[in-house]
PDB file of N, CA and C in Angstrom:
ATOM      1  N   MET A   1       0.816  -1.186   0.000  1.00  0.00           N
ATOM      2  CA  MET A   1       0.000   0.000   0.000  1.00  0.00           C
ATOM      3  C   MET A   1       0.865   1.258   0.000  1.00  0.00           C
ATOM      4  N   LYS A   2       1.978   1.215   0.781  1.00  0.00           N
ATOM      5  CA  LYS A   2       2.877   2.357   0.820  1.00  0.00           C
ATOM      6  C   LYS A   2       3.530   2.582  -0.535  1.00  0.00           C
ATOM      7  N   LYS A   3       3.806   1.497  -1.242  1.00  0.00           N
ATOM      8  CA  LYS A   3       4.421   1.617  -2.560  1.00  0.00           C
ATOM      9  C   LYS A   3       3.464   2.284  -3.548  1.00  0.00           C
ATOM     10  N   ILE A   4       2.200   1.971  -3.456  1.00  0.00           N
ATOM     11  CA  ILE A   4       1.199   2.550  -4.354  1.00  0.00           C
ATOM     12  C   ILE A   4       1.062   4.050  -4.076  1.00  0.00           C
ATOM     13  N   ILE A   5       1.033   4.425  -2.812  1.00  0.00           N
ATOM     14  CA  ILE A   5       0.935   5.838  -2.443  1.00  0.00           C
ATOM     15  C   ILE A   5       2.187   6.586  -2.910  1.00  0.00           C
ATOM     16  N   ALA A   6       3.345   5.990  -2.731  1.00  0.00           N
ATOM     17  CA  ALA A   6       4.594   6.608  -3.178  1.00  0.00           C
ATOM     18  C   ALA A   6       4.611   6.757  -4.693  1.00  0.00           C
ATOM     19  N   LEU A   7       4.100   5.758  -5.395  1.00  0.00           N
ATOM     20  CA  LEU A   7       4.041   5.806  -6.852  1.00  0.00           C
ATOM     21  C   LEU A   7       3.150   6.957  -7.321  1.00  0.00           C
ATOM     22  N   PHE A   8       1.974   7.096  -6.715  1.00  0.00           N
ATOM     23  CA  PHE A   8       1.068   8.181  -7.082  1.00  0.00           C
ATOM     24  C   PHE A   8       1.669   9.550  -6.733  1.00  0.00           C
ATOM     25  N   GLY A   9       2.396   9.598  -5.636  1.00  0.00           N
ATOM     26  CA  GLY A   9       3.073  10.842  -5.244  1.00  0.00           C
ATOM     27  C   GLY A   9       4.119  11.239  -6.273  1.00  0.00           C
ATOM     28  N   MET A  10       4.890  10.269  -6.745  1.00  0.00           N
ATOM     29  CA  MET A  10       5.909  10.527  -7.766  1.00  0.00           C
ATOM     30  C   MET A  10       5.268  10.976  -9.074  1.00  0.00           C
ATOM     31  N   LEU A  11       4.173  10.318  -9.452  1.00  0.00           N
ATOM     32  CA  LEU A  11       3.477  10.707 -10.674  1.00  0.00           C
ATOM     33  C   LEU A  11       2.952  12.138 -10.585  1.00  0.00           C
ATOM     34  N   ALA A  12       2.437  12.498  -9.414  1.00  0.00           N
ATOM     35  CA  ALA A  12       1.925  13.855  -9.224  1.00  0.00           C
ATOM     36  C   ALA A  12       3.053  14.877  -9.332  1.00  0.00           C
ATOM     37  N   MET A  13       4.212  14.558  -8.778  1.00  0.00           N
ATOM     38  CA  MET A  13       5.352  15.473  -8.858  1.00  0.00           C
ATOM     39  C   MET A  13       5.835  15.620 -10.285  1.00  0.00           C
ATOM     40  N   VAL A  14       5.925  14.525 -11.019  1.00  0.00           N
ATOM     41  CA  VAL A  14       6.368  14.572 -12.415  1.00  0.00           C
ATOM     42  C   VAL A  14       5.388  15.381 -13.256  1.00  0.00           C
ATOM     43  N   ALA A  15       4.100  15.173 -13.028  1.00  0.00           N
ATOM     44  CA  ALA A  15       3.085  15.925 -13.775  1.00  0.00           C
ATOM     45  C   ALA A  15       3.177  17.410 -13.449  1.00  0.00           C
ATOM     46  N   GLY A  16       3.437  17.747 -12.200  1.00  0.00           N
ATOM     47  CA  GLY A  16       3.562  19.155 -11.794  1.00  0.00           C
ATOM     48  C   GLY A  16       4.760  19.822 -12.438  1.00  0.00           C
ATOM     49  N   VAL A  17       5.881  19.127 -12.490  1.00  0.00           N
ATOM     50  CA  VAL A  17       7.085  19.668 -13.107  1.00  0.00           C
ATOM     51  C   VAL A  17       6.884  19.835 -14.609  1.00  0.00           C
ATOM     52  N   ALA A  18       6.228  18.894 -15.241  1.00  0.00           N
ATOM     53  CA  ALA A  18       6.008  18.960 -16.687  1.00  0.00           C
ATOM     54  C   ALA A  18       5.123  20.145 -17.060  1.00  0.00           C
ATOM     55  N   THR A  19       4.121  20.440 -16.255  1.00  0.00           N
ATOM     56  CA  THR A  19       3.237  21.565 -16.585  1.00  0.00           C
ATOM     57  C   THR A  19       3.856  22.896 -16.198  1.00  0.00           C
ATOM     58  N   ALA A  20       4.825  22.891 -15.286  1.00  0.00           N
ATOM     59  CA  ALA A  20       5.459  24.131 -14.857  1.00  0.00           C
ATOM     60  C   ALA A  20       6.625  24.515 -15.757  1.00  0.00           C
ATOM     61  N   ALA A  21       7.048  23.647 -16.646  1.00  0.00           N
ATOM     62  CA  ALA A  21       8.158  23.936 -17.536  1.00  0.00           C
ATOM     63  C   ALA A  21       7.809  25.137 -18.417  1.00  0.00           C
ATOM     64  N   PRO A  22       8.761  26.043 -18.603  1.00  0.00           N
ATOM     65  CA  PRO A  22       8.464  27.238 -19.406  1.00  0.00           C
ATOM     66  C   PRO A  22       8.175  26.863 -20.854  1.00  0.00           C
ATOM     67  N   LYS A  23       7.161  27.502 -21.379  1.00  0.00           N
ATOM     68  CA  LYS A  23       6.811  27.272 -22.774  1.00  0.00           C
ATOM     69  C   LYS A  23       7.530  28.296 -23.631  1.00  0.00           C
ATOM     70  N   GLU A  24       7.798  27.936 -24.866  1.00  0.00           N
ATOM     71  CA  GLU A  24       8.464  28.869 -25.755  1.00  0.00           C
ATOM     72  C   GLU A  24       7.556  30.056 -26.011  1.00  0.00           C
ATOM     73  N   LYS A  25       8.138  31.235 -25.960  1.00  0.00           N
ATOM     74  CA  LYS A  25       7.366  32.440 -26.203  1.00  0.00           C
ATOM     75  C   LYS A  25       7.036  32.542 -27.684  1.00  0.00           C
ATOM     76  N   ALA A  26       5.823  32.956 -27.945  1.00  0.00           N
ATOM     77  CA  ALA A  26       5.429  33.168 -29.331  1.00  0.00           C
ATOM     78  C   ALA A  26       6.192  34.380 -29.852  1.00  0.00           C
ATOM     79  N   GLU A  27       6.596  34.304 -31.090  1.00  0.00           N
ATOM     80  CA  GLU A  27       7.339  35.397 -31.684  1.00  0.00           C
ATOM     81  C   GLU A  27       6.427  36.612 -31.803  1.00  0.00           C
ATOM     82  N   LYS A  28       6.880  37.730 -31.269  1.00  0.00           N
ATOM     83  CA  LYS A  28       6.068  38.935 -31.295  1.00  0.00           C
ATOM     84  C   LYS A  28       6.128  39.556 -32.690  1.00  0.00           C
ATOM     85  N   LYS A  29       4.976  39.948 -33.161  1.00  0.00           N
ATOM     86  CA  LYS A  29       4.891  40.565 -34.469  1.00  0.00           C
ATOM     87  C   LYS A  29       5.164  42.058 -34.332  1.00  0.00           C
ATOM     88  N   VAL A  30       5.927  42.591 -35.238  1.00  0.00           N
ATOM     89  CA  VAL A  30       6.239  44.014 -35.250  1.00  0.00           C
ATOM     90  C   VAL A  30       5.806  44.577 -36.591  1.00  0.00           C
ATOM     91  N   THR A  31       5.062  45.678 -36.544  1.00  0.00           N
ATOM     92  CA  THR A  31       4.615  46.358 -37.748  1.00  0.00           C
ATOM     93  C   THR A  31       5.408  47.647 -37.891  1.00  0.00           C
ATOM     94  N   THR A  32       5.791  47.968 -39.121  1.00  0.00           N
ATOM     95  CA  THR A  32       6.508  49.207 -39.402  1.00  0.00           C
ATOM     96  C   THR A  32       5.624  50.095 -40.265  1.00  0.00           C
ATOM     97  N   VAL A  33       5.479  51.337 -39.849  1.00  0.00           N
ATOM     98  CA  VAL A  33       4.692  52.292 -40.621  1.00  0.00           C
ATOM     99  C   VAL A  33       5.530  53.555 -40.822  1.00  0.00           C
ATOM    100  N   VAL A  34       5.468  54.110 -42.037  1.00  0.00           N
ATOM    101  CA  VAL A  34       6.184  55.332 -42.363  1.00  0.00           C
ATOM    102  C   VAL A  34       5.145  56.431 -42.566  1.00  0.00           C
ATOM    103  N   PHE A  35       5.212  57.451 -41.713  1.00  0.00           N
ATOM    104  CA  PHE A  35       4.300  58.582 -41.806  1.00  0.00           C
ATOM    105  C   PHE A  35       4.986  59.708 -42.573  1.00  0.00           C
ATOM    106  N   THR A  36       4.317  60.260 -43.563  1.00  0.00           N
ATOM    107  CA  THR A  36       4.784  61.472 -44.223  1.00  0.00           C
ATOM    108  C   THR A  36       4.150  62.628 -43.468  1.00  0.00           C
ATOM    109  N   THR A  37       4.987  63.544 -42.992  1.00  0.00           N
ATOM    110  CA  THR A  37       4.504  64.597 -42.102  1.00  0.00           C
ATOM    111  C   THR A  37       4.898  65.980 -42.615  1.00  0.00           C
ATOM    112  N   ASP A  38       4.602  66.991 -41.788  1.00  0.00           N
ATOM    113  CA  ASP A  38       4.972  68.361 -42.140  1.00  0.00           C
ATOM    114  C   ASP A  38       6.153  68.877 -41.326  1.00  0.00           C
ATOM    115  N   ILE A  39       6.933  67.964 -40.714  1.00  0.00           N
ATOM    116  CA  ILE A  39       8.076  68.413 -39.914  1.00  0.00           C
ATOM    117  C   ILE A  39       9.108  69.066 -40.821  1.00  0.00           C
ATOM    118  N   ASP A  40       9.703  70.165 -40.337  1.00  0.00           N
ATOM    119  CA  ASP A  40      10.674  70.862 -41.174  1.00  0.00           C
ATOM    120  C   ASP A  40      11.866  71.397 -40.393  1.00  0.00           C
ATOM    121  N   CYS A  41      11.968  71.013 -39.116  1.00  0.00           N
ATOM    122  CA  CYS A  41      13.103  71.491 -38.325  1.00  0.00           C
ATOM    123  C   CYS A  41      13.466  70.473 -37.241  1.00  0.00           C
ATOM    124  N   HIS A  42      14.596  70.738 -36.627  1.00  0.00           N
ATOM    125  CA  HIS A  42      15.075  69.856 -35.564  1.00  0.00           C
ATOM    126  C   HIS A  42      14.137  69.892 -34.354  1.00  0.00           C
ATOM    127  N   HIS A  43      13.538  71.030 -34.089  1.00  0.00           N
ATOM    128  CA  HIS A  43      12.614  71.156 -32.961  1.00  0.00           C
ATOM    129  C   HIS A  43      11.407  70.235 -33.140  1.00  0.00           C
ATOM    130  N   CYS A  44      10.867  70.172 -34.343  1.00  0.00           N
ATOM    131  CA  CYS A  44       9.722  69.277 -34.622  1.00  0.00           C
ATOM    132  C   CYS A  44      10.119  67.814 -34.430  1.00  0.00           C
ATOM    133  N   ALA A  45      11.303  67.475 -34.914  1.00  0.00           N
ATOM    134  CA  ALA A  45      11.801  66.102 -34.758  1.00  0.00           C
ATOM    135  C   ALA A  45      11.981  65.771 -33.287  1.00  0.00           C
ATOM    136  N   GLN A  46      12.441  66.738 -32.506  1.00  0.00           N
ATOM    137  CA  GLN A  46      12.646  66.516 -31.081  1.00  0.00           C
ATOM    138  C   GLN A  46      11.316  66.299 -30.362  1.00  0.00           C
ATOM    139  N   LYS A  47      10.261  67.020 -30.781  1.00  0.00           N
ATOM    140  CA  LYS A  47       8.931  66.811 -30.194  1.00  0.00           C
ATOM    141  C   LYS A  47       8.470  65.374 -30.419  1.00  0.00           C
ATOM    142  N   VAL A  48       8.712  64.860 -31.621  1.00  0.00           N
ATOM    143  CA  VAL A  48       8.322  63.485 -31.937  1.00  0.00           C
ATOM    144  C   VAL A  48       9.123  62.507 -31.075  1.00  0.00           C
ATOM    145  N   MET A  49      10.418  62.722 -30.982  1.00  0.00           N
ATOM    146  CA  MET A  49      11.278  61.807 -30.223  1.00  0.00           C
ATOM    147  C   MET A  49      11.035  61.880 -28.716  1.00  0.00           C
ATOM    148  N   ASN A  50      10.474  62.967 -28.232  1.00  0.00           N
ATOM    149  CA  ASN A  50      10.169  63.091 -26.804  1.00  0.00           C
ATOM    150  C   ASN A  50       8.805  62.517 -26.457  1.00  0.00           C
ATOM    151  N   THR A  51       8.006  62.165 -27.458  1.00  0.00           N
ATOM    152  CA  THR A  51       6.643  61.708 -27.193  1.00  0.00           C
ATOM    153  C   THR A  51       6.378  60.284 -27.671  1.00  0.00           C
ATOM    154  N   ILE A  52       6.567  60.012 -28.928  1.00  0.00           N
ATOM    155  CA  ILE A  52       6.146  58.751 -29.550  1.00  0.00           C
ATOM    156  C   ILE A  52       6.850  57.519 -28.962  1.00  0.00           C
ATOM    157  N   PRO A  53       8.161  57.543 -28.688  1.00  0.00           N
ATOM    158  CA  PRO A  53       8.802  56.321 -28.161  1.00  0.00           C
ATOM    159  C   PRO A  53       8.242  55.827 -26.831  1.00  0.00           C
ATOM    160  N   TYR A  54       7.494  56.662 -26.132  1.00  0.00           N
ATOM    161  CA  TYR A  54       6.990  56.294 -24.816  1.00  0.00           C
ATOM    162  C   TYR A  54       5.559  55.763 -24.845  1.00  0.00           C
ATOM    163  N   ASP A  55       4.959  55.651 -26.031  1.00  0.00           N
ATOM    164  CA  ASP A  55       3.638  55.031 -26.159  1.00  0.00           C
ATOM    165  C   ASP A  55       3.779  53.524 -25.983  1.00  0.00           C
ATOM    166  N   LYS A  56       2.673  52.858 -25.692  1.00  0.00           N
ATOM    167  CA  LYS A  56       2.687  51.404 -25.500  1.00  0.00           C
ATOM    168  C   LYS A  56       3.073  50.694 -26.794  1.00  0.00           C
ATOM    169  N   GLY A  57       3.897  49.677 -26.677  1.00  0.00           N
ATOM    170  CA  GLY A  57       4.217  48.804 -27.793  1.00  0.00           C
ATOM    171  C   GLY A  57       5.204  49.353 -28.797  1.00  0.00           C
ATOM    172  N   ILE A  58       5.750  50.533 -28.583  1.00  0.00           N
ATOM    173  CA  ILE A  58       6.686  51.134 -29.538  1.00  0.00           C
ATOM    174  C   ILE A  58       8.049  50.465 -29.383  1.00  0.00           C
ATOM    175  N   LYS A  59       8.590  50.002 -30.496  1.00  0.00           N
ATOM    176  CA  LYS A  59       9.896  49.335 -30.502  1.00  0.00           C
ATOM    177  C   LYS A  59      11.002  50.264 -30.991  1.00  0.00           C
ATOM    178  N   ASP A  60      10.706  51.117 -31.994  1.00  0.00           N
ATOM    179  CA  ASP A  60      11.717  51.993 -32.569  1.00  0.00           C
ATOM    180  C   ASP A  60      11.037  53.166 -33.262  1.00  0.00           C
ATOM    181  N   VAL A  61      11.650  54.341 -33.176  1.00  0.00           N
ATOM    182  CA  VAL A  61      11.160  55.537 -33.875  1.00  0.00           C
ATOM    183  C   VAL A  61      12.350  56.204 -34.539  1.00  0.00           C
ATOM    184  N   GLN A  62      12.179  56.547 -35.816  1.00  0.00           N
ATOM    185  CA  GLN A  62      13.220  57.261 -36.546  1.00  0.00           C
ATOM    186  C   GLN A  62      12.570  58.452 -37.234  1.00  0.00           C
ATOM    187  N   VAL A  63      13.186  59.622 -37.093  1.00  0.00           N
ATOM    188  CA  VAL A  63      12.681  60.838 -37.714  1.00  0.00           C
ATOM    189  C   VAL A  63      13.695  61.300 -38.737  1.00  0.00           C
ATOM    190  N   ASP A  64      13.251  61.561 -39.959  1.00  0.00           N
ATOM    191  CA  ASP A  64      14.111  62.048 -41.028  1.00  0.00           C
ATOM    192  C   ASP A  64      13.566  63.400 -41.478  1.00  0.00           C
ATOM    193  N   VAL A  65      14.225  64.471 -41.056  1.00  0.00           N
ATOM    194  CA  VAL A  65      13.741  65.826 -41.351  1.00  0.00           C
ATOM    195  C   VAL A  65      13.817  66.150 -42.841  1.00  0.00           C
ATOM    196  N   PRO A  66      14.912  65.840 -43.546  1.00  0.00           N
ATOM    197  CA  PRO A  66      14.949  66.195 -44.978  1.00  0.00           C
ATOM    198  C   PRO A  66      13.820  65.561 -45.807  1.00  0.00           C
ATOM    199  N   THR A  67      13.441  64.324 -45.497  1.00  0.00           N
ATOM    200  CA  THR A  67      12.368  63.682 -46.257  1.00  0.00           C
ATOM    201  C   THR A  67      11.003  63.854 -45.592  1.00  0.00           C
ATOM    202  N   LYS A  68      10.996  64.480 -44.404  1.00  0.00           N
ATOM    203  CA  LYS A  68       9.776  64.740 -43.636  1.00  0.00           C
ATOM    204  C   LYS A  68       9.012  63.455 -43.305  1.00  0.00           C
ATOM    205  N   THR A  69       9.759  62.412 -42.915  1.00  0.00           N
ATOM    206  CA  THR A  69       9.118  61.137 -42.576  1.00  0.00           C
ATOM    207  C   THR A  69       9.423  60.744 -41.133  1.00  0.00           C
ATOM    208  N   VAL A  70       8.479  60.014 -40.554  1.00  0.00           N
ATOM    209  CA  VAL A  70       8.638  59.426 -39.232  1.00  0.00           C
ATOM    210  C   VAL A  70       8.359  57.938 -39.396  1.00  0.00           C
ATOM    211  N   THR A  71       9.344  57.107 -39.095  1.00  0.00           N
ATOM    212  CA  THR A  71       9.205  55.662 -39.197  1.00  0.00           C
ATOM    213  C   THR A  71       9.051  55.094 -37.792  1.00  0.00           C
ATOM    214  N   VAL A  72       7.969  54.319 -37.596  1.00  0.00           N
ATOM    215  CA  VAL A  72       7.675  53.763 -36.276  1.00  0.00           C
ATOM    216  C   VAL A  72       7.521  52.252 -36.398  1.00  0.00           C
ATOM    217  N   LYS A  73       8.238  51.506 -35.558  1.00  0.00           N
ATOM    218  CA  LYS A  73       8.074  50.063 -35.441  1.00  0.00           C
ATOM    219  C   LYS A  73       7.340  49.815 -34.126  1.00  0.00           C
ATOM    220  N   PHE A  74       6.237  49.054 -34.195  1.00  0.00           N
ATOM    221  CA  PHE A  74       5.431  48.847 -32.997  1.00  0.00           C
ATOM    222  C   PHE A  74       4.769  47.483 -32.999  1.00  0.00           C
ATOM    223  N   ASP A  75       4.321  47.074 -31.817  1.00  0.00           N
ATOM    224  CA  ASP A  75       3.602  45.816 -31.622  1.00  0.00           C
ATOM    225  C   ASP A  75       2.119  46.093 -31.852  1.00  0.00           C
ATOM    226  N   PRO A  76       1.518  45.506 -32.908  1.00  0.00           N
ATOM    227  CA  PRO A  76       0.107  45.786 -33.202  1.00  0.00           C
ATOM    228  C   PRO A  76      -0.864  45.276 -32.137  1.00  0.00           C
ATOM    229  N   ALA A  77      -0.410  44.423 -31.250  1.00  0.00           N
ATOM    230  CA  ALA A  77      -1.264  43.960 -30.159  1.00  0.00           C
ATOM    231  C   ALA A  77      -1.403  45.034 -29.080  1.00  0.00           C
ATOM    232  N   LYS A  78      -0.472  45.988 -29.058  1.00  0.00           N
ATOM    233  CA  LYS A  78      -0.483  47.011 -28.021  1.00  0.00           C
ATOM    234  C   LYS A  78      -0.771  48.416 -28.535  1.00  0.00           C
ATOM    235  N   ASN A  79      -0.667  48.632 -29.835  1.00  0.00           N
ATOM    236  CA  ASN A  79      -0.869  49.959 -30.390  1.00  0.00           C
ATOM    237  C   ASN A  79      -1.430  49.825 -31.800  1.00  0.00           C
ATOM    238  N   SER A  80      -1.839  50.943 -32.396  1.00  0.00           N
ATOM    239  CA  SER A  80      -2.397  50.905 -33.753  1.00  0.00           C
ATOM    240  C   SER A  80      -1.947  52.128 -34.529  1.00  0.00           C
ATOM    241  N   ILE A  81      -2.107  52.049 -35.841  1.00  0.00           N
ATOM    242  CA  ILE A  81      -1.749  53.171 -36.697  1.00  0.00           C
ATOM    243  C   ILE A  81      -2.620  54.377 -36.371  1.00  0.00           C
ATOM    244  N   GLU A  82      -3.889  54.137 -36.084  1.00  0.00           N
ATOM    245  CA  GLU A  82      -4.809  55.233 -35.763  1.00  0.00           C
ATOM    246  C   GLU A  82      -4.371  55.968 -34.492  1.00  0.00           C
ATOM    247  N   SER A  83      -3.968  55.218 -33.470  1.00  0.00           N
ATOM    248  CA  SER A  83      -3.551  55.874 -32.228  1.00  0.00           C
ATOM    249  C   SER A  83      -2.218  56.599 -32.405  1.00  0.00           C
ATOM    250  N   LEU A  84      -1.338  56.073 -33.255  1.00  0.00           N
ATOM    251  CA  LEU A  84      -0.076  56.761 -33.535  1.00  0.00           C
ATOM    252  C   LEU A  84      -0.332  58.056 -34.305  1.00  0.00           C
ATOM    253  N   THR A  85      -1.247  58.002 -35.255  1.00  0.00           N
ATOM    254  CA  THR A  85      -1.615  59.209 -36.003  1.00  0.00           C
ATOM    255  C   THR A  85      -2.190  60.255 -35.046  1.00  0.00           C
ATOM    256  N   LYS A  86      -3.037  59.819 -34.140  1.00  0.00           N
ATOM    257  CA  LYS A  86      -3.626  60.723 -33.151  1.00  0.00           C
ATOM    258  C   LYS A  86      -2.541  61.323 -32.256  1.00  0.00           C
ATOM    259  N   ALA A  87      -1.585  60.508 -31.834  1.00  0.00           N
ATOM    260  CA  ALA A  87      -0.500  60.992 -30.976  1.00  0.00           C
ATOM    261  C   ALA A  87       0.341  62.048 -31.703  1.00  0.00           C
ATOM    262  N   LEU A  88       0.604  61.832 -32.989  1.00  0.00           N
ATOM    263  CA  LEU A  88       1.343  62.830 -33.766  1.00  0.00           C
ATOM    264  C   LEU A  88       0.538  64.117 -33.904  1.00  0.00           C
ATOM    265  N   THR A  89      -0.754  63.988 -34.127  1.00  0.00           N
ATOM    266  CA  THR A  89      -1.619  65.156 -34.275  1.00  0.00           C
ATOM    267  C   THR A  89      -1.673  65.957 -32.967  1.00  0.00           C
ATOM    268  N   GLU A  90      -1.674  65.262 -31.837  1.00  0.00           N
ATOM    269  CA  GLU A  90      -1.727  65.936 -30.537  1.00  0.00           C
ATOM    270  C   GLU A  90      -0.490  66.787 -30.261  1.00  0.00           C
ATOM    271  N   ILE A  91       0.646  66.459 -30.872  1.00  0.00           N
ATOM    272  CA  ILE A  91       1.852  67.278 -30.691  1.00  0.00           C
ATOM    273  C   ILE A  91       2.049  68.222 -31.874  1.00  0.00           C
ATOM    274  N   LYS A  92       0.967  68.457 -32.603  1.00  0.00           N
ATOM    275  CA  LYS A  92       0.925  69.430 -33.710  1.00  0.00           C
ATOM    276  C   LYS A  92       1.794  69.036 -34.897  1.00  0.00           C
ATOM    277  N   VAL A  93       1.868  67.733 -35.169  1.00  0.00           N
ATOM    278  CA  VAL A  93       2.545  67.228 -36.363  1.00  0.00           C
ATOM    279  C   VAL A  93       1.466  66.704 -37.295  1.00  0.00           C
ATOM    280  N   LYS A  94       1.358  67.309 -38.455  1.00  0.00           N
ATOM    281  CA  LYS A  94       0.317  66.925 -39.414  1.00  0.00           C
ATOM    282  C   LYS A  94       0.800  65.728 -40.234  1.00  0.00           C
ATOM    283  N   VAL A  95      -0.022  64.679 -40.256  1.00  0.00           N
ATOM    284  CA  VAL A  95       0.285  63.478 -41.037  1.00  0.00           C
ATOM    285  C   VAL A  95      -0.440  63.584 -42.361  1.00  0.00           C
ATOM    286  N   THR A  96       0.311  63.560 -43.468  1.00  0.00           N
ATOM    287  CA  THR A  96      -0.316  63.662 -44.782  1.00  0.00           C
ATOM    288  C   THR A  96      -0.474  62.319 -45.473  1.00  0.00           C
ATOM    289  N   ASN A  97       0.342  61.341 -45.059  1.00  0.00           N
ATOM    290  CA  ASN A  97       0.289  60.027 -45.693  1.00  0.00           C
ATOM    291  C   ASN A  97       0.911  59.004 -44.747  1.00  0.00           C
ATOM    292  N   GLN A  98       0.512  57.740 -44.924  1.00  0.00           N
ATOM    293  CA  GLN A  98       1.117  56.670 -44.130  1.00  0.00           C
ATOM    294  C   GLN A  98       1.272  55.428 -45.002  1.00  0.00           C
ATOM    295  N   GLN A  99       2.373  54.739 -44.809  1.00  0.00           N
ATOM    296  CA  GLN A  99       2.649  53.543 -45.595  1.00  0.00           C
ATOM    297  C   GLN A  99       3.118  52.442 -44.646  1.00  0.00           C
ATOM    298  N   VAL A 100       2.432  51.306 -44.689  1.00  0.00           N
ATOM    299  CA  VAL A 100       2.781  50.176 -43.833  1.00  0.00           C
ATOM    300  C   VAL A 100       3.794  49.294 -44.560  1.00  0.00           C
ATOM    301  N   LYS A 101       4.862  48.943 -43.841  1.00  0.00           N
ATOM    302  CA  LYS A 101       5.887  48.046 -44.397  1.00  0.00           C
ATOM    303  C   LYS A 101       5.950  46.812 -43.533  1.00  0.00           C
ATOM    304  N   GLU A 102       6.143  45.670 -44.119  1.00  0.00           N
ATOM    305  CA  GLU A 102       6.240  44.404 -43.367  1.00  0.00           C
ATOM    306  C   GLU A 102       7.655  43.966 -43.240  1.00  0.00           C
TER     307      GLU A 102
END
């Protein structure tokens, strides 16, 4: 009887360890969008860099003043193109076009 109880105890421990083992993380999807804006100076670029990188899900932000573009890499599960456009508009940056890149 003691052997049977010990056997069930061992099985319970093995089952517990097997379910507690870390599972592989799903690869996070990152979306890249290029906004064409009306930025024309370093001050405008600085406003973008002081605001957009701190939104949820933002992975990378690049501002190119000569081409007037803002490139944002973000996690679509945590943020959206619409909310990024709104965030740019709130800091007085006009978005004239947007292009999604994969």
